Amino acid sequence: MLEHFQWLPFLAAITVLTMSPGVDTLLVLRSSAVSGWRVGVVCSLGICLGLFAHATISALGLSVILLGSATLFTAFKMAGAVYLAYLGVQALRSAMNPQGLNLKTTGVKPLTAATAFRQGILSNVLNPKTIVFYMAFLPQFIDPAHSAIGQSLFMAALHFIIAMVWQSLLAVMVHRARVWLARPKVAQVLDSITGILLVGFGIKLALTER
């Protein structure tokens, strides 16, 4: 199937976009810092699985319906914005009582793999910007002579692999820095930055126009 579309430009573009800091990066970093690299990888898995939902929606044309309905778009957008803001508030609450990230001694409740996975997939699926991106970006590489769904899912699979590799590397790097991150002041700064950025992403999403 690779010969049916310009896959090298797609790989280059999707790699750059994947490595650009955003909500996904923040969630993986925080999950890894709080509960270890394995939980960070599980969070990344949730995020990346959401890509297939966006690819399917884009290929089926549901994106057109969503973007064409002010009510649907607003409801979907606000759900994603509220969820991002919720995650941000949780991080800010942790920053107000900094104890470091040495969970065995501080009593801070770590994230379970299930919670990290749920946060990852919801943050991705509830983000209409990803739908807009897939709708605008993927068609440039689809051969109309072949199945749009098949090609969209194939490109989502490539995106999945690239994102999993990159975010897993981030998870491992953060895990190796746990001794440094265990300092209360460092944890406070990390939680503050994460919380402010997540709330900011939520506000920005809420203000997004169709």
Protein backbone atom coordinates (compact mmCIF):
# COMPACT_ATOMS: atom_id res chain seq x y z
CA MET A 1 0.00 0.00 0.00
CA LEU A 2 2.97 2.29 0.48
CA GLU A 3 3.23 2.87 -3.25
CA HIS A 4 -0.31 4.27 -3.39
CA PHE A 5 0.50 7.58 -1.64
CA GLN A 6 3.41 9.83 -0.86
CA TRP A 7 4.36 8.19 2.38
CA LEU A 8 7.75 9.82 2.93
CA PRO A 9 6.32 13.38 3.23
CA PHE A 10 3.61 11.98 5.49
CA LEU A 11 6.16 10.27 7.75
CA ALA A 12 8.29 13.41 7.94
CA ALA A 13 5.33 15.66 8.77
CA ILE A 14 3.77 13.31 11.30
CA THR A 15 7.12 12.77 13.04
CA VAL A 16 7.66 16.51 13.49
CA LEU A 17 4.11 16.98 14.74
CA THR A 18 4.44 14.05 17.15
CA MET A 19 7.61 15.46 18.69
CA SER A 20 6.10 18.92 19.12
CA PRO A 21 5.17 19.56 22.80
CA GLY A 22 1.46 19.42 23.55
CA VAL A 23 -1.19 17.85 25.75
CA ASP A 24 -0.07 14.32 24.86
CA THR A 25 3.51 15.04 25.90
CA LEU A 26 2.40 16.60 29.18
CA LEU A 27 0.21 13.64 30.12
CA VAL A 28 2.92 11.09 29.36
CA LEU A 29 5.57 13.04 31.28
CA ARG A 30 3.36 13.47 34.33
CA SER A 31 2.19 9.84 34.35
CA SER A 32 5.79 8.64 34.11
CA ALA A 33 7.02 11.01 36.81
CA VAL A 34 4.28 10.03 39.24
CA SER A 35 3.99 6.29 38.65
CA GLY A 36 6.96 5.11 36.60
CA TRP A 37 7.73 4.58 32.94
CA ARG A 38 5.41 1.59 32.51
CA VAL A 39 2.37 3.67 33.47
CA GLY A 40 3.67 6.42 31.18
CA VAL A 41 3.80 3.95 28.30
CA VAL A 42 0.23 2.82 29.09
CA CYS A 43 -0.88 6.46 29.01
CA SER A 44 0.82 6.79 25.62
CA LEU A 45 -0.98 3.65 24.43
CA GLY A 46 -4.34 5.24 25.28
CA ILE A 47 -3.39 8.43 23.47
CA CYS A 48 -2.19 6.59 20.38
CA LEU A 49 -5.19 4.26 20.16
CA GLY A 50 -7.35 7.37 19.90
CA LEU A 51 -5.69 8.09 16.55
CA PHE A 52 -7.55 5.18 14.96
CA ALA A 53 -10.87 6.67 16.05
CA HIS A 54 -9.98 9.98 14.43
CA ALA A 55 -8.76 8.28 11.25
CA THR A 56 -12.01 6.29 10.98
CA ILE A 57 -14.18 9.34 11.63
CA SER A 58 -12.25 11.32 9.03
CA ALA A 59 -12.49 8.57 6.41
CA LEU A 60 -16.22 8.07 6.95
CA GLY A 61 -16.88 11.77 6.56
CA LEU A 62 -18.32 12.20 10.04
CA SER A 63 -15.87 15.05 10.50
CA VAL A 64 -17.83 17.02 7.89
CA ILE A 65 -21.04 16.50 9.87
CA LEU A 66 -19.35 17.47 13.13
CA LEU A 67 -17.76 20.59 11.68
CA GLY A 68 -20.98 21.49 9.90
CA SER A 69 -23.06 21.44 13.07
CA ALA A 70 -22.42 24.25 15.52
CA THR A 71 -24.22 22.36 18.29
CA LEU A 72 -22.29 19.10 17.86
CA PHE A 73 -18.95 20.87 17.50
CA THR A 74 -19.55 23.03 20.58
CA ALA A 75 -20.64 20.06 22.71
CA PHE A 76 -17.67 17.96 21.65
CA LYS A 77 -15.25 20.87 22.05
CA MET A 78 -16.49 21.78 25.53
CA ALA A 79 -16.29 18.17 26.72
CA GLY A 80 -12.63 18.06 25.71
CA ALA A 81 -11.92 21.51 27.19
CA VAL A 82 -13.49 20.62 30.54
CA TYR A 83 -11.54 17.37 30.74
CA LEU A 84 -8.21 19.09 30.03
CA ALA A 85 -9.02 21.78 32.60
CA TYR A 86 -9.89 19.06 35.13
CA LEU A 87 -6.51 17.39 34.63
CA GLY A 88 -4.84 20.78 34.99
CA VAL A 89 -6.65 21.57 38.25
CA GLN A 90 -5.60 18.18 39.63
CA ALA A 91 -1.96 18.99 38.86
CA LEU A 92 -2.28 22.46 40.45
CA ARG A 93 -3.76 20.93 43.59
CA SER A 94 -0.71 18.68 43.84
CA ALA A 95 1.52 21.73 43.40
CA MET A 96 -0.12 23.40 46.40
CA ASN A 97 1.02 20.54 48.63
CA PRO A 98 4.44 19.62 47.18
CA GLN A 99 5.81 16.37 48.60
CA GLY A 100 8.04 15.23 45.78
CA LEU A 101 7.50 12.15 43.67
CA ASN A 102 9.01 9.52 45.96
CA LEU A 103 5.68 7.75 46.30
CA LYS A 104 6.85 5.07 48.73
CA THR A 105 7.61 7.63 51.43
CA THR A 106 5.26 10.51 50.80
CA GLY A 107 1.97 8.65 50.60
CA VAL A 108 1.02 10.37 47.35
CA LYS A 109 -1.45 8.16 45.53
CA PRO A 110 0.09 7.01 42.22
CA LEU A 111 -1.81 6.68 38.98
CA THR A 112 -2.95 3.20 38.13
CA ALA A 113 -2.36 1.89 34.62
CA ALA A 114 -6.13 1.94 34.02
CA THR A 115 -6.41 5.59 35.07
CA ALA A 116 -3.43 6.62 32.93
CA PHE A 117 -4.89 4.76 29.93
CA ARG A 118 -8.28 6.40 30.42
CA GLN A 119 -6.74 9.86 30.71
CA GLY A 120 -4.72 9.27 27.56
CA ILE A 121 -7.50 8.01 25.33
CA LEU A 122 -10.07 10.57 26.54
CA SER A 123 -7.71 13.51 26.09
CA ASN A 124 -7.14 12.41 22.49
CA VAL A 125 -10.64 11.34 21.48
CA LEU A 126 -12.28 14.41 23.04
CA ASN A 127 -10.02 16.79 21.14
CA PRO A 128 -11.79 18.03 17.98
CA LYS A 129 -8.54 19.61 16.83
CA THR A 130 -7.23 16.12 16.09
CA ILE A 131 -10.30 15.42 13.95
CA VAL A 132 -9.76 18.67 12.08
CA PHE A 133 -6.09 17.83 11.59
CA TYR A 134 -6.80 14.32 10.30
CA MET A 135 -9.56 15.57 8.03
CA ALA A 136 -7.31 18.25 6.52
CA PHE A 137 -4.07 16.28 6.46
CA LEU A 138 -4.82 12.65 5.59
CA PRO A 139 -6.75 13.26 2.32
CA GLN A 140 -3.59 14.70 0.77
CA PHE A 141 -2.04 11.23 0.89
CA ILE A 142 -5.05 9.08 -0.01
CA ASP A 143 -5.34 7.46 -3.42
CA PRO A 144 -9.03 7.78 -4.47
CA ALA A 145 -8.71 4.53 -6.43
CA HIS A 146 -8.42 2.58 -3.19
CA SER A 147 -10.26 2.29 0.12
CA ALA A 148 -10.18 5.57 2.04
CA ILE A 149 -10.78 3.78 5.35
CA GLY A 150 -8.00 1.27 4.72
CA GLN A 151 -5.50 3.95 3.80
CA SER A 152 -6.54 6.20 6.69
CA LEU A 153 -6.15 3.38 9.20
CA PHE A 154 -2.79 2.46 7.68
CA MET A 155 -1.55 6.04 8.11
CA ALA A 156 -2.95 6.08 11.64
CA ALA A 157 -0.95 2.89 12.29
CA LEU A 158 2.23 4.64 11.12
CA HIS A 159 1.38 7.59 13.36
CA PHE A 160 0.70 5.15 16.21
CA ILE A 161 4.15 3.54 15.87
CA ILE A 162 6.01 6.85 15.68
CA ALA A 163 4.11 8.35 18.62
CA MET A 164 4.51 5.23 20.78
CA VAL A 165 8.27 5.12 20.18
CA TRP A 166 8.73 8.83 20.93
CA GLN A 167 6.48 8.96 23.98
CA SER A 168 7.92 5.72 25.38
CA LEU A 169 11.39 7.24 25.15
CA LEU A 170 10.11 10.27 27.05
CA ALA A 171 8.59 7.99 29.69
CA VAL A 172 11.88 6.15 30.23
CA MET A 173 13.88 9.40 30.42
CA VAL A 174 11.52 10.84 33.03
CA HIS A 175 11.67 7.59 35.01
CA ARG A 176 15.46 7.75 35.10
CA ALA A 177 15.22 11.27 36.51
CA ARG A 178 12.96 10.24 39.39
CA VAL A 179 15.59 10.98 42.06
CA TRP A 180 15.77 14.56 40.86
CA LEU A 181 12.01 14.77 40.45
CA ALA A 182 11.54 13.48 44.00
CA ARG A 183 12.59 16.86 45.38
CA PRO A 184 9.49 18.71 46.62
CA LYS A 185 10.47 21.98 44.95
CA VAL A 186 11.04 20.25 41.62
CA ALA A 187 7.72 18.41 41.92
CA GLN A 188 5.99 21.69 42.74
CA VAL A 189 7.42 23.38 39.65
CA LEU A 190 6.56 20.37 37.46
CA ASP A 191 2.98 20.20 38.72
CA SER A 192 2.54 23.97 38.44
CA ILE A 193 3.77 24.10 34.86
CA THR A 194 1.75 21.03 33.90
CA GLY A 195 -1.39 22.38 35.55
CA ILE A 196 -1.11 25.84 33.99
CA LEU A 197 -0.44 24.41 30.53
CA LEU A 198 -3.30 21.90 30.71
CA VAL A 199 -5.75 24.54 31.88
CA GLY A 200 -4.41 26.80 29.12
CA PHE A 201 -4.92 24.08 26.52
CA GLY A 202 -8.47 23.62 27.83
CA ILE A 203 -9.25 27.33 27.56
CA LYS A 204 -7.70 27.50 24.10
CA LEU A 205 -9.78 24.51 22.98
CA ALA A 206 -12.95 26.08 24.41
CA LEU A 207 -12.30 29.22 22.38
CA THR A 208 -11.62 27.32 19.15
CA GLU A 209 -13.81 28.36 16.23
CA ARG A 210 -15.11 25.90 13.65
